[in-house]
Amino acid sequence: MKLEYTILEFLSERDDGRFVELTSVHEDYESLMSALDELKGKNLIVVEDAGRDFSRFGISNNRPKSVKAKIKLNGRAYFHSMKGIEQIKKELRGRSRNRWNLTHFLSF
């Protein structure tokens, strides 16, 4: 879930209507592709299919390829809803820490 949020944030920040290069978002190519497949399955992003078949030339197809995607409108709405939830979680974590600190000082 964290990687999907990172991908959506990356695409949302760089959205200009064109496809954006995503291979620099995460170093693990397999988990990146898995997250992209999940987001594509939820119809939140569009992935550009730029892969070529080099098996005829004796080159393996199991190599990392360039991955480009762009965010859809419902992907942007989903990202903003997730962003709001993350902010609420941070506020709640901050409140619980403050409460603990207050009880710590009152116990003396």
PDB file of N, CA and C in Angstrom:
ATOM      1  N   MET A   1       0.816  -1.186   0.000  1.00  0.00           N
ATOM      2  CA  MET A   1       0.000   0.000   0.000  1.00  0.00           C
ATOM      3  C   MET A   1       0.866   1.260   0.000  1.00  0.00           C
ATOM      4  N   LYS A   2       1.994   1.197   0.675  1.00  0.00           N
ATOM      5  CA  LYS A   2       2.901   2.336   0.725  1.00  0.00           C
ATOM      6  C   LYS A   2       3.486   2.642  -0.658  1.00  0.00           C
ATOM      7  N   LEU A   3       3.828   1.590  -1.397  1.00  0.00           N
ATOM      8  CA  LEU A   3       4.393   1.787  -2.727  1.00  0.00           C
ATOM      9  C   LEU A   3       3.353   2.362  -3.688  1.00  0.00           C
ATOM     10  N   GLU A   4       2.118   1.902  -3.597  1.00  0.00           N
ATOM     11  CA  GLU A   4       1.064   2.451  -4.449  1.00  0.00           C
ATOM     12  C   GLU A   4       0.864   3.936  -4.165  1.00  0.00           C
ATOM     13  N   TYR A   5       0.885   4.302  -2.878  1.00  0.00           N
ATOM     14  CA  TYR A   5       0.749   5.709  -2.504  1.00  0.00           C
ATOM     15  C   TYR A   5       1.914   6.522  -3.083  1.00  0.00           C
ATOM     16  N   THR A   6       3.124   5.974  -3.003  1.00  0.00           N
ATOM     17  CA  THR A   6       4.307   6.660  -3.538  1.00  0.00           C
ATOM     18  C   THR A   6       4.196   6.847  -5.047  1.00  0.00           C
ATOM     19  N   ILE A   7       3.732   5.825  -5.736  1.00  0.00           N
ATOM     20  CA  ILE A   7       3.572   5.909  -7.192  1.00  0.00           C
ATOM     21  C   ILE A   7       2.531   6.965  -7.559  1.00  0.00           C
ATOM     22  N   LEU A   8       1.391   6.937  -6.878  1.00  0.00           N
ATOM     23  CA  LEU A   8       0.344   7.918  -7.164  1.00  0.00           C
ATOM     24  C   LEU A   8       0.813   9.334  -6.845  1.00  0.00           C
ATOM     25  N   GLU A   9       1.578   9.500  -5.770  1.00  0.00           N
ATOM     26  CA  GLU A   9       2.106  10.814  -5.424  1.00  0.00           C
ATOM     27  C   GLU A   9       3.086  11.297  -6.499  1.00  0.00           C
ATOM     28  N   PHE A  10       3.962  10.407  -6.948  1.00  0.00           N
ATOM     29  CA  PHE A  10       4.935  10.733  -7.988  1.00  0.00           C
ATOM     30  C   PHE A  10       4.229  11.155  -9.280  1.00  0.00           C
ATOM     31  N   LEU A  11       3.212  10.395  -9.676  1.00  0.00           N
ATOM     32  CA  LEU A  11       2.482  10.710 -10.906  1.00  0.00           C
ATOM     33  C   LEU A  11       1.662  11.986 -10.765  1.00  0.00           C
ATOM     34  N   SER A  12       1.084  12.197  -9.603  1.00  0.00           N
ATOM     35  CA  SER A  12       0.259  13.383  -9.387  1.00  0.00           C
ATOM     36  C   SER A  12       1.096  14.658  -9.428  1.00  0.00           C
ATOM     37  N   GLU A  13       2.308  14.603  -8.865  1.00  0.00           N
ATOM     38  CA  GLU A  13       3.174  15.777  -8.865  1.00  0.00           C
ATOM     39  C   GLU A  13       3.677  16.123 -10.261  1.00  0.00           C
ATOM     40  N   ARG A  14       3.816  15.125 -11.128  1.00  0.00           N
ATOM     41  CA  ARG A  14       4.400  15.345 -12.450  1.00  0.00           C
ATOM     42  C   ARG A  14       3.370  15.232 -13.575  1.00  0.00           C
ATOM     43  N   ASP A  15       2.104  15.383 -13.243  1.00  0.00           N
ATOM     44  CA  ASP A  15       1.043  15.203 -14.231  1.00  0.00           C
ATOM     45  C   ASP A  15       0.962  16.408 -15.161  1.00  0.00           C
ATOM     46  N   ASP A  16       1.271  16.164 -16.439  1.00  0.00           N
ATOM     47  CA  ASP A  16       1.094  17.182 -17.465  1.00  0.00           C
ATOM     48  C   ASP A  16       0.406  16.592 -18.691  1.00  0.00           C
ATOM     49  N   GLY A  17      -0.212  15.429 -18.530  1.00  0.00           N
ATOM     50  CA  GLY A  17      -0.910  14.782 -19.635  1.00  0.00           C
ATOM     51  C   GLY A  17      -0.063  13.793 -20.398  1.00  0.00           C
ATOM     52  N   ARG A  18       1.227  13.749 -20.121  1.00  0.00           N
ATOM     53  CA  ARG A  18       2.130  12.819 -20.809  1.00  0.00           C
ATOM     54  C   ARG A  18       2.495  11.659 -19.886  1.00  0.00           C
ATOM     55  N   PHE A  19       3.085  10.641 -20.483  1.00  0.00           N
ATOM     56  CA  PHE A  19       3.550   9.512 -19.695  1.00  0.00           C
ATOM     57  C   PHE A  19       4.820   9.891 -18.947  1.00  0.00           C
ATOM     58  N   VAL A  20       4.942   9.409 -17.707  1.00  0.00           N
ATOM     59  CA  VAL A  20       6.060   9.739 -16.835  1.00  0.00           C
ATOM     60  C   VAL A  20       6.877   8.476 -16.573  1.00  0.00           C
ATOM     61  N   GLU A  21       8.201   8.586 -16.617  1.00  0.00           N
ATOM     62  CA  GLU A  21       9.109   7.478 -16.339  1.00  0.00           C
ATOM     63  C   GLU A  21       9.046   7.121 -14.851  1.00  0.00           C
ATOM     64  N   LEU A  22       8.835   5.819 -14.535  1.00  0.00           N
ATOM     65  CA  LEU A  22       8.655   5.393 -13.151  1.00  0.00           C
ATOM     66  C   LEU A  22       9.759   4.500 -12.605  1.00  0.00           C
ATOM     67  N   THR A  23      10.768   4.175 -13.369  1.00  0.00           N
ATOM     68  CA  THR A  23      11.768   3.232 -12.888  1.00  0.00           C
ATOM     69  C   THR A  23      12.598   3.793 -11.739  1.00  0.00           C
ATOM     70  N   SER A  24      12.613   5.099 -11.545  1.00  0.00           N
ATOM     71  CA  SER A  24      13.378   5.687 -10.445  1.00  0.00           C
ATOM     72  C   SER A  24      12.589   5.769  -9.143  1.00  0.00           C
ATOM     73  N   VAL A  25      11.317   5.377  -9.150  1.00  0.00           N
ATOM     74  CA  VAL A  25      10.483   5.484  -7.952  1.00  0.00           C
ATOM     75  C   VAL A  25      10.894   4.465  -6.893  1.00  0.00           C
ATOM     76  N   HIS A  26      11.201   3.252  -7.311  1.00  0.00           N
ATOM     77  CA  HIS A  26      11.528   2.175  -6.365  1.00  0.00           C
ATOM     78  C   HIS A  26      12.621   1.310  -6.966  1.00  0.00           C
ATOM     79  N   GLU A  27      13.551   0.847  -6.122  1.00  0.00           N
ATOM     80  CA  GLU A  27      14.684   0.088  -6.639  1.00  0.00           C
ATOM     81  C   GLU A  27      14.348  -1.371  -6.956  1.00  0.00           C
ATOM     82  N   ASP A  28      13.310  -1.928  -6.322  1.00  0.00           N
ATOM     83  CA  ASP A  28      12.930  -3.310  -6.593  1.00  0.00           C
ATOM     84  C   ASP A  28      11.951  -3.343  -7.771  1.00  0.00           C
ATOM     85  N   TYR A  29      12.421  -3.809  -8.916  1.00  0.00           N
ATOM     86  CA  TYR A  29      11.640  -3.783 -10.154  1.00  0.00           C
ATOM     87  C   TYR A  29      10.408  -4.669 -10.066  1.00  0.00           C
ATOM     88  N   GLU A  30      10.537  -5.837  -9.441  1.00  0.00           N
ATOM     89  CA  GLU A  30       9.406  -6.772  -9.351  1.00  0.00           C
ATOM     90  C   GLU A  30       8.272  -6.196  -8.509  1.00  0.00           C
ATOM     91  N   SER A  31       8.588  -5.590  -7.365  1.00  0.00           N
ATOM     92  CA  SER A  31       7.533  -5.010  -6.533  1.00  0.00           C
ATOM     93  C   SER A  31       6.922  -3.772  -7.202  1.00  0.00           C
ATOM     94  N   LEU A  32       7.739  -3.035  -7.952  1.00  0.00           N
ATOM     95  CA  LEU A  32       7.217  -1.892  -8.706  1.00  0.00           C
ATOM     96  C   LEU A  32       6.203  -2.361  -9.746  1.00  0.00           C
ATOM     97  N   MET A  33       6.545  -3.402 -10.486  1.00  0.00           N
ATOM     98  CA  MET A  33       5.624  -3.926 -11.497  1.00  0.00           C
ATOM     99  C   MET A  33       4.354  -4.493 -10.872  1.00  0.00           C
ATOM    100  N   SER A  34       4.489  -5.134  -9.712  1.00  0.00           N
ATOM    101  CA  SER A  34       3.328  -5.670  -9.010  1.00  0.00           C
ATOM    102  C   SER A  34       2.395  -4.539  -8.575  1.00  0.00           C
ATOM    103  N   ALA A  35       2.965  -3.466  -8.035  1.00  0.00           N
ATOM    104  CA  ALA A  35       2.154  -2.324  -7.612  1.00  0.00           C
ATOM    105  C   ALA A  35       1.492  -1.642  -8.811  1.00  0.00           C
ATOM    106  N   LEU A  36       2.225  -1.540  -9.917  1.00  0.00           N
ATOM    107  CA  LEU A  36       1.638  -0.947 -11.125  1.00  0.00           C
ATOM    108  C   LEU A  36       0.496  -1.792 -11.664  1.00  0.00           C
ATOM    109  N   ASP A  37       0.653  -3.121 -11.620  1.00  0.00           N
ATOM    110  CA  ASP A  37      -0.431  -3.998 -12.070  1.00  0.00           C
ATOM    111  C   ASP A  37      -1.665  -3.837 -11.196  1.00  0.00           C
ATOM    112  N   GLU A  38      -1.453  -3.676  -9.896  1.00  0.00           N
ATOM    113  CA  GLU A  38      -2.586  -3.494  -8.986  1.00  0.00           C
ATOM    114  C   GLU A  38      -3.294  -2.166  -9.248  1.00  0.00           C
ATOM    115  N   LEU A  39      -2.519  -1.106  -9.428  1.00  0.00           N
ATOM    116  CA  LEU A  39      -3.120   0.202  -9.722  1.00  0.00           C
ATOM    117  C   LEU A  39      -3.820   0.206 -11.075  1.00  0.00           C
ATOM    118  N   LYS A  40      -3.241  -0.483 -12.042  1.00  0.00           N
ATOM    119  CA  LYS A  40      -3.853  -0.591 -13.363  1.00  0.00           C
ATOM    120  C   LYS A  40      -5.144  -1.399 -13.286  1.00  0.00           C
ATOM    121  N   GLY A  41      -5.150  -2.437 -12.455  1.00  0.00           N
ATOM    122  CA  GLY A  41      -6.351  -3.249 -12.268  1.00  0.00           C
ATOM    123  C   GLY A  41      -7.483  -2.475 -11.608  1.00  0.00           C
ATOM    124  N   LYS A  42      -7.136  -1.520 -10.755  1.00  0.00           N
ATOM    125  CA  LYS A  42      -8.142  -0.669 -10.113  1.00  0.00           C
ATOM    126  C   LYS A  42      -8.563   0.495 -11.012  1.00  0.00           C
ATOM    127  N   ASN A  43      -7.995   0.583 -12.219  1.00  0.00           N
ATOM    128  CA  ASN A  43      -8.307   1.610 -13.210  1.00  0.00           C
ATOM    129  C   ASN A  43      -7.945   3.010 -12.704  1.00  0.00           C
ATOM    130  N   LEU A  44      -6.787   3.122 -12.024  1.00  0.00           N
ATOM    131  CA  LEU A  44      -6.331   4.397 -11.505  1.00  0.00           C
ATOM    132  C   LEU A  44      -5.234   5.023 -12.354  1.00  0.00           C
ATOM    133  N   ILE A  45      -4.506   4.192 -13.110  1.00  0.00           N
ATOM    134  CA  ILE A  45      -3.420   4.680 -13.953  1.00  0.00           C
ATOM    135  C   ILE A  45      -3.484   4.011 -15.321  1.00  0.00           C
ATOM    136  N   VAL A  46      -2.753   4.589 -16.259  1.00  0.00           N
ATOM    137  CA  VAL A  46      -2.578   4.014 -17.590  1.00  0.00           C
ATOM    138  C   VAL A  46      -1.087   3.753 -17.753  1.00  0.00           C
ATOM    139  N   VAL A  47      -0.726   2.516 -18.106  1.00  0.00           N
ATOM    140  CA  VAL A  47       0.671   2.150 -18.282  1.00  0.00           C
ATOM    141  C   VAL A  47       0.954   2.029 -19.767  1.00  0.00           C
ATOM    142  N   GLU A  48       2.030   2.678 -20.213  1.00  0.00           N
ATOM    143  CA  GLU A  48       2.422   2.618 -21.616  1.00  0.00           C
ATOM    144  C   GLU A  48       3.115   1.290 -21.882  1.00  0.00           C
ATOM    145  N   ASP A  49       2.659   0.594 -22.877  1.00  0.00           N
ATOM    146  CA  ASP A  49       3.254  -0.688 -23.240  1.00  0.00           C
ATOM    147  C   ASP A  49       4.316  -0.439 -24.295  1.00  0.00           C
ATOM    148  N   ALA A  50       5.580  -0.300 -23.832  1.00  0.00           N
ATOM    149  CA  ALA A  50       6.678  -0.012 -24.746  1.00  0.00           C
ATOM    150  C   ALA A  50       7.681  -1.156 -24.790  1.00  0.00           C
ATOM    151  N   GLY A  51       7.274  -2.320 -24.317  1.00  0.00           N
ATOM    152  CA  GLY A  51       8.200  -3.448 -24.290  1.00  0.00           C
ATOM    153  C   GLY A  51       8.352  -4.091 -25.656  1.00  0.00           C
ATOM    154  N   ARG A  52       9.551  -4.475 -25.979  1.00  0.00           N
ATOM    155  CA  ARG A  52       9.826  -5.140 -27.251  1.00  0.00           C
ATOM    156  C   ARG A  52      10.240  -6.568 -26.969  1.00  0.00           C
ATOM    157  N   ASP A  53      10.007  -7.424 -27.908  1.00  0.00           N
ATOM    158  CA  ASP A  53      10.382  -8.823 -27.788  1.00  0.00           C
ATOM    159  C   ASP A  53      11.736  -9.023 -28.469  1.00  0.00           C
ATOM    160  N   PHE A  54      12.778  -9.205 -27.655  1.00  0.00           N
ATOM    161  CA  PHE A  54      14.131  -9.385 -28.174  1.00  0.00           C
ATOM    162  C   PHE A  54      14.569 -10.846 -28.170  1.00  0.00           C
ATOM    163  N   SER A  55      13.634 -11.765 -27.916  1.00  0.00           N
ATOM    164  CA  SER A  55      14.021 -13.179 -27.844  1.00  0.00           C
ATOM    165  C   SER A  55      14.519 -13.703 -29.199  1.00  0.00           C
ATOM    166  N   ARG A  56      14.093 -13.117 -30.273  1.00  0.00           N
ATOM    167  CA  ARG A  56      14.559 -13.539 -31.600  1.00  0.00           C
ATOM    168  C   ARG A  56      16.047 -13.252 -31.804  1.00  0.00           C
ATOM    169  N   PHE A  57      16.549 -12.259 -31.069  1.00  0.00           N
ATOM    170  CA  PHE A  57      17.944 -11.871 -31.190  1.00  0.00           C
ATOM    171  C   PHE A  57      18.826 -12.509 -30.120  1.00  0.00           C
ATOM    172  N   GLY A  58      18.249 -13.401 -29.313  1.00  0.00           N
ATOM    173  CA  GLY A  58      19.005 -14.074 -28.276  1.00  0.00           C
ATOM    174  C   GLY A  58      19.147 -13.279 -26.991  1.00  0.00           C
ATOM    175  N   ILE A  59      18.348 -12.244 -26.818  1.00  0.00           N
ATOM    176  CA  ILE A  59      18.380 -11.424 -25.609  1.00  0.00           C
ATOM    177  C   ILE A  59      17.179 -11.800 -24.746  1.00  0.00           C
ATOM    178  N   SER A  60      17.426 -12.027 -23.477  1.00  0.00           N
ATOM    179  CA  SER A  60      16.373 -12.443 -22.557  1.00  0.00           C
ATOM    180  C   SER A  60      15.350 -11.324 -22.342  1.00  0.00           C
ATOM    181  N   ASN A  61      14.095 -11.690 -22.184  1.00  0.00           N
ATOM    182  CA  ASN A  61      13.035 -10.732 -21.899  1.00  0.00           C
ATOM    183  C   ASN A  61      12.835 -10.527 -20.402  1.00  0.00           C
ATOM    184  N   ASN A  62      13.668 -11.132 -19.575  1.00  0.00           N
ATOM    185  CA  ASN A  62      13.539 -11.025 -18.125  1.00  0.00           C
ATOM    186  C   ASN A  62      14.356  -9.874 -17.552  1.00  0.00           C
ATOM    187  N   ARG A  63      14.649  -8.879 -18.322  1.00  0.00           N
ATOM    188  CA  ARG A  63      15.430  -7.741 -17.865  1.00  0.00           C
ATOM    189  C   ARG A  63      14.491  -6.598 -17.474  1.00  0.00           C
ATOM    190  N   PRO A  64      14.948  -5.703 -16.604  1.00  0.00           N
ATOM    191  CA  PRO A  64      14.128  -4.531 -16.272  1.00  0.00           C
ATOM    192  C   PRO A  64      13.945  -3.630 -17.496  1.00  0.00           C
ATOM    193  N   LYS A  65      12.735  -3.233 -17.729  1.00  0.00           N
ATOM    194  CA  LYS A  65      12.411  -2.393 -18.878  1.00  0.00           C
ATOM    195  C   LYS A  65      11.988  -1.017 -18.398  1.00  0.00           C
ATOM    196  N   SER A  66      12.009  -0.074 -19.281  1.00  0.00           N
ATOM    197  CA  SER A  66      11.527   1.263 -18.983  1.00  0.00           C
ATOM    198  C   SER A  66      10.007   1.212 -18.803  1.00  0.00           C
ATOM    199  N   VAL A  67       9.528   1.808 -17.728  1.00  0.00           N
ATOM    200  CA  VAL A  67       8.102   1.796 -17.426  1.00  0.00           C
ATOM    201  C   VAL A  67       7.608   3.231 -17.381  1.00  0.00           C
ATOM    202  N   LYS A  68       6.599   3.516 -18.184  1.00  0.00           N
ATOM    203  CA  LYS A  68       5.993   4.850 -18.200  1.00  0.00           C
ATOM    204  C   LYS A  68       4.502   4.715 -17.928  1.00  0.00           C
ATOM    205  N   ALA A  69       3.979   5.668 -17.157  1.00  0.00           N
ATOM    206  CA  ALA A  69       2.553   5.644 -16.813  1.00  0.00           C
ATOM    207  C   ALA A  69       2.068   7.073 -16.632  1.00  0.00           C
ATOM    208  N   LYS A  70       0.758   7.221 -16.612  1.00  0.00           N
ATOM    209  CA  LYS A  70       0.155   8.501 -16.264  1.00  0.00           C
ATOM    210  C   LYS A  70      -1.083   8.228 -15.423  1.00  0.00           C
ATOM    211  N   ILE A  71      -1.416   9.203 -14.601  1.00  0.00           N
ATOM    212  CA  ILE A  71      -2.519   9.044 -13.658  1.00  0.00           C
ATOM    213  C   ILE A  71      -3.827   9.447 -14.330  1.00  0.00           C
ATOM    214  N   LYS A  72      -4.879   8.708 -13.997  1.00  0.00           N
ATOM    215  CA  LYS A  72      -6.209   9.034 -14.508  1.00  0.00           C
ATOM    216  C   LYS A  72      -6.912   9.963 -13.516  1.00  0.00           C
ATOM    217  N   LEU A  73      -8.064  10.462 -13.904  1.00  0.00           N
ATOM    218  CA  LEU A  73      -8.818  11.371 -13.054  1.00  0.00           C
ATOM    219  C   LEU A  73      -9.280  10.673 -11.773  1.00  0.00           C
ATOM    220  N   ASN A  74      -9.778   9.443 -11.883  1.00  0.00           N
ATOM    221  CA  ASN A  74     -10.200   8.737 -10.672  1.00  0.00           C
ATOM    222  C   ASN A  74      -8.992   8.318  -9.832  1.00  0.00           C
ATOM    223  N   GLY A  75      -7.830   8.178 -10.433  1.00  0.00           N
ATOM    224  CA  GLY A  75      -6.609   7.928  -9.684  1.00  0.00           C
ATOM    225  C   GLY A  75      -6.214   9.146  -8.866  1.00  0.00           C
ATOM    226  N   ARG A  76      -6.382  10.312  -9.440  1.00  0.00           N
ATOM    227  CA  ARG A  76      -6.101  11.555  -8.717  1.00  0.00           C
ATOM    228  C   ARG A  76      -7.057  11.712  -7.533  1.00  0.00           C
ATOM    229  N   ALA A  77      -8.337  11.406  -7.724  1.00  0.00           N
ATOM    230  CA  ALA A  77      -9.308  11.502  -6.630  1.00  0.00           C
ATOM    231  C   ALA A  77      -8.982  10.492  -5.527  1.00  0.00           C
ATOM    232  N   TYR A  78      -8.610   9.277  -5.916  1.00  0.00           N
ATOM    233  CA  TYR A  78      -8.233   8.249  -4.947  1.00  0.00           C
ATOM    234  C   TYR A  78      -6.992   8.675  -4.168  1.00  0.00           C
ATOM    235  N   PHE A  79      -6.006   9.265  -4.851  1.00  0.00           N
ATOM    236  CA  PHE A  79      -4.789   9.727  -4.183  1.00  0.00           C
ATOM    237  C   PHE A  79      -5.107  10.813  -3.164  1.00  0.00           C
ATOM    238  N   HIS A  80      -5.954  11.771  -3.529  1.00  0.00           N
ATOM    239  CA  HIS A  80      -6.284  12.846  -2.594  1.00  0.00           C
ATOM    240  C   HIS A  80      -7.059  12.326  -1.392  1.00  0.00           C
ATOM    241  N   SER A  81      -7.891  11.302  -1.576  1.00  0.00           N
ATOM    242  CA  SER A  81      -8.581  10.707  -0.426  1.00  0.00           C
ATOM    243  C   SER A  81      -7.585   9.986   0.476  1.00  0.00           C
ATOM    244  N   MET A  82      -6.597   9.291  -0.118  1.00  0.00           N
ATOM    245  CA  MET A  82      -5.562   8.628   0.676  1.00  0.00           C
ATOM    246  C   MET A  82      -4.696   9.658   1.396  1.00  0.00           C
ATOM    247  N   LYS A  83      -4.431  10.771   0.748  1.00  0.00           N
ATOM    248  CA  LYS A  83      -3.616  11.827   1.339  1.00  0.00           C
ATOM    249  C   LYS A  83      -4.320  12.395   2.574  1.00  0.00           C
ATOM    250  N   GLY A  84      -5.621  12.565   2.503  1.00  0.00           N
ATOM    251  CA  GLY A  84      -6.393  13.049   3.648  1.00  0.00           C
ATOM    252  C   GLY A  84      -6.371  12.064   4.797  1.00  0.00           C
ATOM    253  N   ILE A  85      -6.453  10.772   4.493  1.00  0.00           N
ATOM    254  CA  ILE A  85      -6.409   9.740   5.529  1.00  0.00           C
ATOM    255  C   ILE A  85      -5.038   9.727   6.198  1.00  0.00           C
ATOM    256  N   GLU A  86      -3.971   9.880   5.417  1.00  0.00           N
ATOM    257  CA  GLU A  86      -2.617   9.908   5.984  1.00  0.00           C
ATOM    258  C   GLU A  86      -2.438  11.109   6.916  1.00  0.00           C
ATOM    259  N   GLN A  87      -2.996  12.253   6.560  1.00  0.00           N
ATOM    260  CA  GLN A  87      -2.885  13.429   7.421  1.00  0.00           C
ATOM    261  C   GLN A  87      -3.639  13.218   8.724  1.00  0.00           C
ATOM    262  N   ILE A  88      -4.798  12.594   8.668  1.00  0.00           N
ATOM    263  CA  ILE A  88      -5.574  12.306   9.873  1.00  0.00           C
ATOM    264  C   ILE A  88      -4.811  11.340  10.773  1.00  0.00           C
ATOM    265  N   LYS A  89      -4.182  10.323  10.181  1.00  0.00           N
ATOM    266  CA  LYS A  89      -3.399   9.382  10.971  1.00  0.00           C
ATOM    267  C   LYS A  89      -2.233  10.069  11.669  1.00  0.00           C
ATOM    268  N   LYS A  90      -1.549  10.974  10.968  1.00  0.00           N
ATOM    269  CA  LYS A  90      -0.435  11.711  11.574  1.00  0.00           C
ATOM    270  C   LYS A  90      -0.915  12.557  12.741  1.00  0.00           C
ATOM    271  N   GLU A  91      -2.066  13.204  12.579  1.00  0.00           N
ATOM    272  CA  GLU A  91      -2.603  14.026  13.665  1.00  0.00           C
ATOM    273  C   GLU A  91      -2.954  13.171  14.872  1.00  0.00           C
ATOM    274  N   LEU A  92      -3.549  12.010  14.630  1.00  0.00           N
ATOM    275  CA  LEU A  92      -3.906  11.124  15.739  1.00  0.00           C
ATOM    276  C   LEU A  92      -2.666  10.593  16.443  1.00  0.00           C
ATOM    277  N   ARG A  93      -1.616  10.265  15.685  1.00  0.00           N
ATOM    278  CA  ARG A  93      -0.367   9.814  16.303  1.00  0.00           C
ATOM    279  C   ARG A  93       0.248  10.923  17.144  1.00  0.00           C
ATOM    280  N   GLY A  94       0.179  12.138  16.671  1.00  0.00           N
ATOM    281  CA  GLY A  94       0.711  13.270  17.427  1.00  0.00           C
ATOM    282  C   GLY A  94      -0.066  13.510  18.702  1.00  0.00           C
ATOM    283  N   ARG A  95      -1.374  13.363  18.650  1.00  0.00           N
ATOM    284  CA  ARG A  95      -2.202  13.537  19.847  1.00  0.00           C
ATOM    285  C   ARG A  95      -1.920  12.457  20.874  1.00  0.00           C
ATOM    286  N   SER A  96      -1.752  11.215  20.411  1.00  0.00           N
ATOM    287  CA  SER A  96      -1.493  10.129  21.364  1.00  0.00           C
ATOM    288  C   SER A  96      -0.131  10.315  22.025  1.00  0.00           C
ATOM    289  N   ARG A  97       0.848  10.827  21.315  1.00  0.00           N
ATOM    290  CA  ARG A  97       2.157  11.095  21.908  1.00  0.00           C
ATOM    291  C   ARG A  97       2.055  12.209  22.941  1.00  0.00           C
ATOM    292  N   ASN A  98       1.309  13.245  22.620  1.00  0.00           N
ATOM    293  CA  ASN A  98       1.148  14.345  23.564  1.00  0.00           C
ATOM    294  C   ASN A  98       0.426  13.883  24.822  1.00  0.00           C
ATOM    295  N   ARG A  99      -0.556  13.022  24.678  1.00  0.00           N
ATOM    296  CA  ARG A  99      -1.282  12.504  25.820  1.00  0.00           C
ATOM    297  C   ARG A  99      -0.342  11.690  26.702  1.00  0.00           C
ATOM    298  N   TRP A 100       0.503  10.875  26.094  1.00  0.00           N
ATOM    299  CA  TRP A 100       1.435  10.073  26.864  1.00  0.00           C
ATOM    300  C   TRP A 100       2.398  10.982  27.616  1.00  0.00           C
ATOM    301  N   ASN A 101       2.897  12.008  26.968  1.00  0.00           N
ATOM    302  CA  ASN A 101       3.810  12.932  27.634  1.00  0.00           C
ATOM    303  C   ASN A 101       3.136  13.640  28.794  1.00  0.00           C
ATOM    304  N   LEU A 102       1.884  14.009  28.656  1.00  0.00           N
ATOM    305  CA  LEU A 102       1.153  14.673  29.717  1.00  0.00           C
ATOM    306  C   LEU A 102       0.967  13.729  30.885  1.00  0.00           C
ATOM    307  N   THR A 103       0.595  12.484  30.652  1.00  0.00           N
ATOM    308  CA  THR A 103       0.424  11.532  31.749  1.00  0.00           C
ATOM    309  C   THR A 103       1.747  11.213  32.414  1.00  0.00           C
ATOM    310  N   HIS A 104       2.814  11.231  31.656  1.00  0.00           N
ATOM    311  CA  HIS A 104       4.139  10.986  32.236  1.00  0.00           C
ATOM    312  C   HIS A 104       4.487  12.080  33.246  1.00  0.00           C
ATOM    313  N   PHE A 105       4.224  13.337  32.895  1.00  0.00           N
ATOM    314  CA  PHE A 105       4.563  14.424  33.810  1.00  0.00           C
ATOM    315  C   PHE A 105       3.605  14.503  34.995  1.00  0.00           C
ATOM    316  N   LEU A 106       2.365  14.103  34.823  1.00  0.00           N
ATOM    317  CA  LEU A 106       1.402  14.155  35.913  1.00  0.00           C
ATOM    318  C   LEU A 106       1.593  13.028  36.929  1.00  0.00           C
ATOM    319  N   SER A 107       2.336  11.998  36.551  1.00  0.00           N
ATOM    320  CA  SER A 107       2.518  10.867  37.465  1.00  0.00           C
ATOM    321  C   SER A 107       3.536  11.175  38.568  1.00  0.00           C
ATOM    322  N   PHE A 108       4.278  12.251  38.455  1.00  0.00           N
ATOM    323  CA  PHE A 108       5.287  12.571  39.485  1.00  0.00           C
ATOM    324  C   PHE A 108       4.677  13.276  40.632  1.00  0.00           C
TER     325      PHE A 108
END
